[in-house]
Amino acid sequence: MQGQSQQQAYDRGITIFSPDGRLYQVEYAREAVRRGTAAVGVRTRDGVVLAADKRSTTELLEADSIEKLHKVDDHVGVASAGHVADARKLVDFARQQAQVERLRYEEPIGIETLTKVVTDQVQQYTQTGGARPFGVALLVAGMDDDDPRLFETDPSGTSYEWKATAVGSESSALREFLEAEYDPEADLGGGIDLALRTLAESNDGELAPADVAVAVVTAEDGYQELGEAELRDHLAELDLLADEG
């Protein structure tokens, strides 16, 4: 009981470290991410693939209203896991920074630069009194000229670059699957297939086109989301298509 009351004393303010060096509010924010539906990023030799689980708990909800993938600029896309409203706030901030870069320097913002600007914003909310951390993790995917890049942001304000990764529900198991299946020489189609197979791991081995969102970022075409018909073809080819009857 004493340890429990001691934790409660240290988890009420984001600016207070516990005696063992922990910020409980940041840990709670990470838990909010783990409770969100999964998002997957895969870097290929041709570009980057983002895929997100957008299953609904009710058939009355319009699937298009579920925001899991976001276009930030022509060459940048974002997938999120955690609180959708927090993700939207950070995506709007990222869009503003990308526009400022184009206006100021007449060139697209670098993917690593953009990620660090976003994580600097996130980090401020881990040491500001009266605020709370952002309860969301982002996968930032884009092209630096012809180089595909994939970054993850953490509620602590830390960023990591990945070849392939997953955030959200069952992320540890999904990353293990990616470690076993990832091929650095795969083309964009192979990256899409791997992203879908990874998401299917947490969905009983099957997916419905309406319950998943996939986007690709390439040097030639920039950010593009796949349509439902294209998703259906990919899922059918992989034998992952769920029975929608």
Protein backbone atom coordinates (compact mmCIF):
# COMPACT_ATOMS: atom_id res chain seq x y z
CA MET A 1 0.00 0.00 0.00
CA GLN A 2 2.83 2.37 0.82
CA GLY A 3 4.48 1.84 -2.56
CA GLN A 4 1.16 2.38 -4.31
CA SER A 5 0.50 5.68 -2.49
CA GLN A 6 4.06 6.77 -3.25
CA GLN A 7 3.50 6.19 -6.98
CA GLN A 8 0.28 8.20 -6.86
CA ALA A 9 2.20 11.08 -5.31
CA TYR A 10 4.61 11.14 -8.26
CA ASP A 11 2.20 10.51 -11.13
CA ARG A 12 0.08 13.63 -10.60
CA GLY A 13 2.54 16.03 -12.20
CA ILE A 14 4.33 15.54 -15.51
CA THR A 15 7.33 17.57 -14.32
CA ILE A 16 8.06 15.39 -11.26
CA PHE A 17 10.46 12.46 -11.43
CA SER A 18 9.89 9.53 -9.10
CA PRO A 19 12.84 8.53 -6.88
CA ASP A 20 13.77 5.79 -9.38
CA GLY A 21 13.89 8.28 -12.26
CA ARG A 22 10.53 7.57 -13.90
CA LEU A 23 7.96 9.94 -15.37
CA TYR A 24 4.72 8.09 -14.81
CA GLN A 25 2.67 10.33 -17.11
CA VAL A 26 4.96 9.46 -20.03
CA GLU A 27 4.58 5.78 -19.22
CA TYR A 28 0.80 6.19 -19.17
CA ALA A 29 1.02 7.87 -22.59
CA ARG A 30 2.95 4.87 -23.91
CA GLU A 31 0.19 2.64 -22.54
CA ALA A 32 -2.35 4.70 -24.51
CA VAL A 33 -0.31 3.95 -27.64
CA ARG A 34 -0.26 0.22 -26.85
CA ARG A 35 -4.05 0.26 -26.53
CA GLY A 36 -4.47 1.81 -30.00
CA THR A 37 -4.97 -0.26 -33.14
CA ALA A 38 -1.77 -1.27 -34.89
CA ALA A 39 0.13 0.62 -37.58
CA VAL A 40 3.01 -0.80 -39.61
CA GLY A 41 5.79 0.81 -41.63
CA VAL A 42 8.04 -1.01 -44.14
CA ARG A 43 10.95 0.55 -46.00
CA THR A 44 11.72 -0.92 -49.44
CA ARG A 45 14.23 -0.10 -52.13
CA ASP A 46 11.55 1.81 -54.10
CA GLY A 47 9.78 3.68 -51.29
CA VAL A 48 8.03 3.30 -47.96
CA VAL A 49 4.77 1.52 -47.12
CA LEU A 50 2.44 2.52 -44.30
CA ALA A 51 -0.45 0.29 -43.23
CA ALA A 52 -2.92 0.74 -40.40
CA ASP A 53 -5.68 -1.28 -38.81
CA LYS A 54 -8.86 0.82 -38.82
CA ARG A 55 -11.40 -1.73 -37.68
CA SER A 56 -14.57 -0.29 -36.22
CA THR A 57 -16.44 -1.57 -33.19
CA THR A 58 -19.79 -0.96 -34.89
CA GLU A 59 -21.14 -1.27 -38.41
CA LEU A 60 -22.90 2.10 -37.99
CA LEU A 61 -19.61 4.02 -38.15
CA GLU A 62 -18.47 5.32 -41.54
CA ALA A 63 -15.09 3.70 -42.24
CA ASP A 64 -13.80 6.80 -44.05
CA SER A 65 -14.12 8.83 -40.84
CA ILE A 66 -11.44 6.74 -39.08
CA GLU A 67 -8.19 8.68 -39.40
CA LYS A 68 -5.10 6.49 -39.27
CA LEU A 69 -3.07 7.65 -42.29
CA HIS A 70 -2.29 11.29 -43.05
CA LYS A 71 -0.62 13.11 -45.92
CA VAL A 72 1.78 15.71 -44.52
CA ASP A 73 3.40 16.87 -47.77
CA ASP A 74 3.75 15.51 -51.29
CA HIS A 75 6.71 13.38 -50.16
CA VAL A 76 5.70 12.58 -46.54
CA GLY A 77 3.01 10.45 -44.93
CA VAL A 78 2.21 9.56 -41.33
CA ALA A 79 0.52 6.60 -39.64
CA SER A 80 -0.60 6.82 -36.03
CA ALA A 81 -1.42 4.62 -33.04
CA GLY A 82 -3.01 5.96 -29.87
CA HIS A 83 -5.29 8.95 -29.37
CA VAL A 84 -6.54 10.09 -32.78
CA ALA A 85 -7.07 13.70 -31.65
CA ASP A 86 -3.46 13.90 -30.43
CA ALA A 87 -2.28 12.50 -33.75
CA ARG A 88 -4.31 15.07 -35.68
CA LYS A 89 -2.75 17.88 -33.63
CA LEU A 90 0.77 16.68 -34.37
CA VAL A 91 -0.01 16.08 -38.04
CA ASP A 92 -1.29 19.65 -38.37
CA PHE A 93 1.91 20.88 -36.71
CA ALA A 94 4.01 18.77 -39.11
CA ARG A 95 2.11 20.16 -42.12
CA GLN A 96 2.79 23.71 -40.97
CA GLN A 97 6.50 22.99 -40.60
CA ALA A 98 6.63 21.42 -44.07
CA GLN A 99 4.94 24.50 -45.58
CA VAL A 100 7.31 26.86 -43.76
CA GLU A 101 10.29 24.95 -45.15
CA ARG A 102 8.96 25.23 -48.72
CA LEU A 103 8.23 28.95 -48.36
CA ARG A 104 11.54 29.74 -46.69
CA TYR A 105 13.92 27.55 -48.69
CA GLU A 106 11.85 26.59 -51.76
CA GLU A 107 12.53 22.91 -51.19
CA PRO A 108 10.81 20.01 -49.44
CA ILE A 109 11.66 19.42 -45.80
CA GLY A 110 13.94 16.48 -44.96
CA ILE A 111 12.24 13.51 -43.32
CA GLU A 112 14.67 13.37 -40.41
CA THR A 113 14.44 17.14 -39.93
CA LEU A 114 10.64 17.01 -39.88
CA THR A 115 10.64 14.12 -37.41
CA LYS A 116 12.97 15.93 -35.04
CA VAL A 117 10.85 19.10 -35.19
CA VAL A 118 7.79 17.03 -34.27
CA THR A 119 9.56 15.20 -31.45
CA ASP A 120 10.85 18.51 -30.08
CA GLN A 121 7.20 19.59 -29.88
CA VAL A 122 6.28 16.31 -28.19
CA GLN A 123 9.15 16.61 -25.71
CA GLN A 124 8.00 20.04 -24.55
CA TYR A 125 4.82 18.41 -23.26
CA THR A 126 6.84 16.11 -20.98
CA GLN A 127 8.18 19.03 -18.91
CA THR A 128 5.43 21.64 -19.00
CA GLY A 129 3.34 22.12 -15.88
CA GLY A 130 -0.41 21.84 -16.35
CA ALA A 131 -0.03 19.87 -19.60
CA ARG A 132 0.07 16.19 -20.44
CA PRO A 133 2.15 14.17 -22.92
CA PHE A 134 0.78 13.31 -26.35
CA GLY A 135 -0.77 9.84 -26.11
CA VAL A 136 0.21 8.85 -29.63
CA ALA A 137 3.10 7.36 -31.58
CA LEU A 138 3.66 8.29 -35.22
CA LEU A 139 5.34 6.48 -38.09
CA VAL A 140 6.80 9.17 -40.36
CA ALA A 141 7.55 7.89 -43.86
CA GLY A 142 8.95 9.80 -46.80
CA MET A 143 11.57 10.33 -49.44
CA ASP A 144 14.77 12.36 -49.11
CA ASP A 145 15.38 12.75 -52.84
CA ASP A 146 15.64 9.07 -53.84
CA ASP A 147 16.25 7.70 -50.34
CA PRO A 148 13.28 6.16 -48.50
CA ARG A 149 13.19 6.97 -44.77
CA LEU A 150 11.04 5.63 -41.94
CA PHE A 151 10.95 7.08 -38.42
CA GLU A 152 8.96 6.41 -35.25
CA THR A 153 8.12 9.05 -32.64
CA ASP A 154 7.61 8.17 -28.99
CA PRO A 155 5.49 10.04 -26.36
CA SER A 156 8.73 10.90 -24.56
CA GLY A 157 9.87 12.96 -27.55
CA THR A 158 12.40 10.42 -28.82
CA SER A 159 12.69 9.41 -32.47
CA TYR A 160 14.05 6.22 -34.01
CA GLU A 161 14.78 5.29 -37.62
CA TRP A 162 13.66 1.85 -38.76
CA LYS A 163 13.80 -0.47 -41.73
CA ALA A 164 10.43 -1.84 -40.64
CA THR A 165 8.43 -1.49 -37.43
CA ALA A 166 5.01 -1.57 -35.82
CA VAL A 167 3.31 0.56 -33.16
CA GLY A 168 0.07 0.12 -31.27
CA SER A 169 -1.66 -3.06 -30.18
CA GLU A 170 0.54 -6.21 -30.12
CA SER A 171 3.46 -4.19 -31.49
CA SER A 172 6.11 -6.46 -29.93
CA ALA A 173 4.72 -9.56 -31.64
CA LEU A 174 4.33 -7.69 -34.92
CA ARG A 175 7.94 -6.49 -34.80
CA GLU A 176 9.08 -10.07 -34.22
CA PHE A 177 7.17 -11.08 -37.35
CA LEU A 178 8.80 -8.24 -39.29
CA GLU A 179 12.26 -9.25 -38.08
CA ALA A 180 11.69 -12.76 -39.39
CA GLU A 181 10.13 -11.74 -42.73
CA TYR A 182 11.78 -8.43 -43.70
CA ASP A 183 13.77 -8.39 -46.96
CA PRO A 184 15.84 -5.23 -47.55
CA GLU A 185 15.85 -5.92 -51.29
CA ALA A 186 12.06 -6.17 -51.60
CA ASP A 187 10.29 -3.91 -54.08
CA LEU A 188 7.25 -1.77 -53.27
CA GLY A 189 4.82 -4.61 -53.98
CA GLY A 190 6.74 -6.85 -51.61
CA GLY A 191 6.60 -4.13 -48.96
CA ILE A 192 2.81 -3.84 -49.32
CA ASP A 193 2.45 -7.60 -49.01
CA LEU A 194 4.65 -7.71 -45.89
CA ALA A 195 2.73 -4.85 -44.25
CA LEU A 196 -0.60 -6.59 -44.89
CA ARG A 197 0.67 -9.95 -43.67
CA THR A 198 1.97 -8.27 -40.52
CA LEU A 199 -1.37 -6.62 -39.76
CA ALA A 200 -3.13 -9.93 -40.41
CA GLU A 201 -1.04 -11.48 -37.61
CA SER A 202 -3.15 -9.53 -35.09
CA ASN A 203 -6.42 -10.15 -36.95
CA ASP A 204 -6.71 -13.94 -36.97
CA GLY A 205 -4.84 -14.16 -40.27
CA GLU A 206 -7.39 -12.25 -42.34
CA LEU A 207 -8.34 -8.68 -43.23
CA ALA A 208 -11.28 -6.92 -44.85
CA PRO A 209 -10.41 -4.12 -47.31
CA ALA A 210 -12.62 -1.68 -45.40
CA ASP A 211 -10.76 -2.43 -42.15
CA VAL A 212 -7.26 -1.55 -43.32
CA ALA A 213 -5.62 1.54 -44.81
CA VAL A 214 -2.42 1.41 -46.88
CA ALA A 215 -0.36 4.23 -48.34
CA VAL A 216 2.94 4.30 -50.23
CA VAL A 217 5.50 7.08 -50.63
CA THR A 218 7.78 6.98 -53.66
CA ALA A 219 10.13 9.41 -55.39
CA GLU A 220 8.09 9.33 -58.61
CA ASP A 221 4.52 9.65 -57.32
CA GLY A 222 4.92 10.95 -53.77
CA TYR A 223 2.29 10.02 -51.19
CA GLN A 224 -0.60 7.88 -52.45
CA GLU A 225 -3.23 5.82 -50.64
CA LEU A 226 -4.39 2.52 -52.10
CA GLY A 227 -8.04 2.19 -53.02
CA GLU A 228 -10.34 -0.53 -51.70
CA ALA A 229 -10.29 -2.47 -54.99
CA GLU A 230 -6.50 -2.53 -55.03
CA LEU A 231 -6.42 -3.64 -51.40
CA ARG A 232 -8.89 -6.40 -52.16
CA ASP A 233 -6.63 -7.70 -54.95
CA HIS A 234 -3.59 -7.73 -52.68
CA LEU A 235 -5.45 -9.51 -49.88
CA ALA A 236 -6.93 -12.08 -52.23
CA GLU A 237 -3.52 -12.80 -53.75
CA LEU A 238 -2.09 -13.32 -50.25
CA ASP A 239 -5.07 -15.44 -49.20
CA LEU A 240 -5.81 -12.98 -46.38
CA LEU A 241 -9.21 -11.76 -47.61
CA ALA A 242 -11.79 -12.02 -44.85
CA ASP A 243 -15.24 -13.41 -45.56
CA GLU A 244 -17.42 -10.29 -45.77
CA GLY A 245 -20.64 -12.21 -46.04
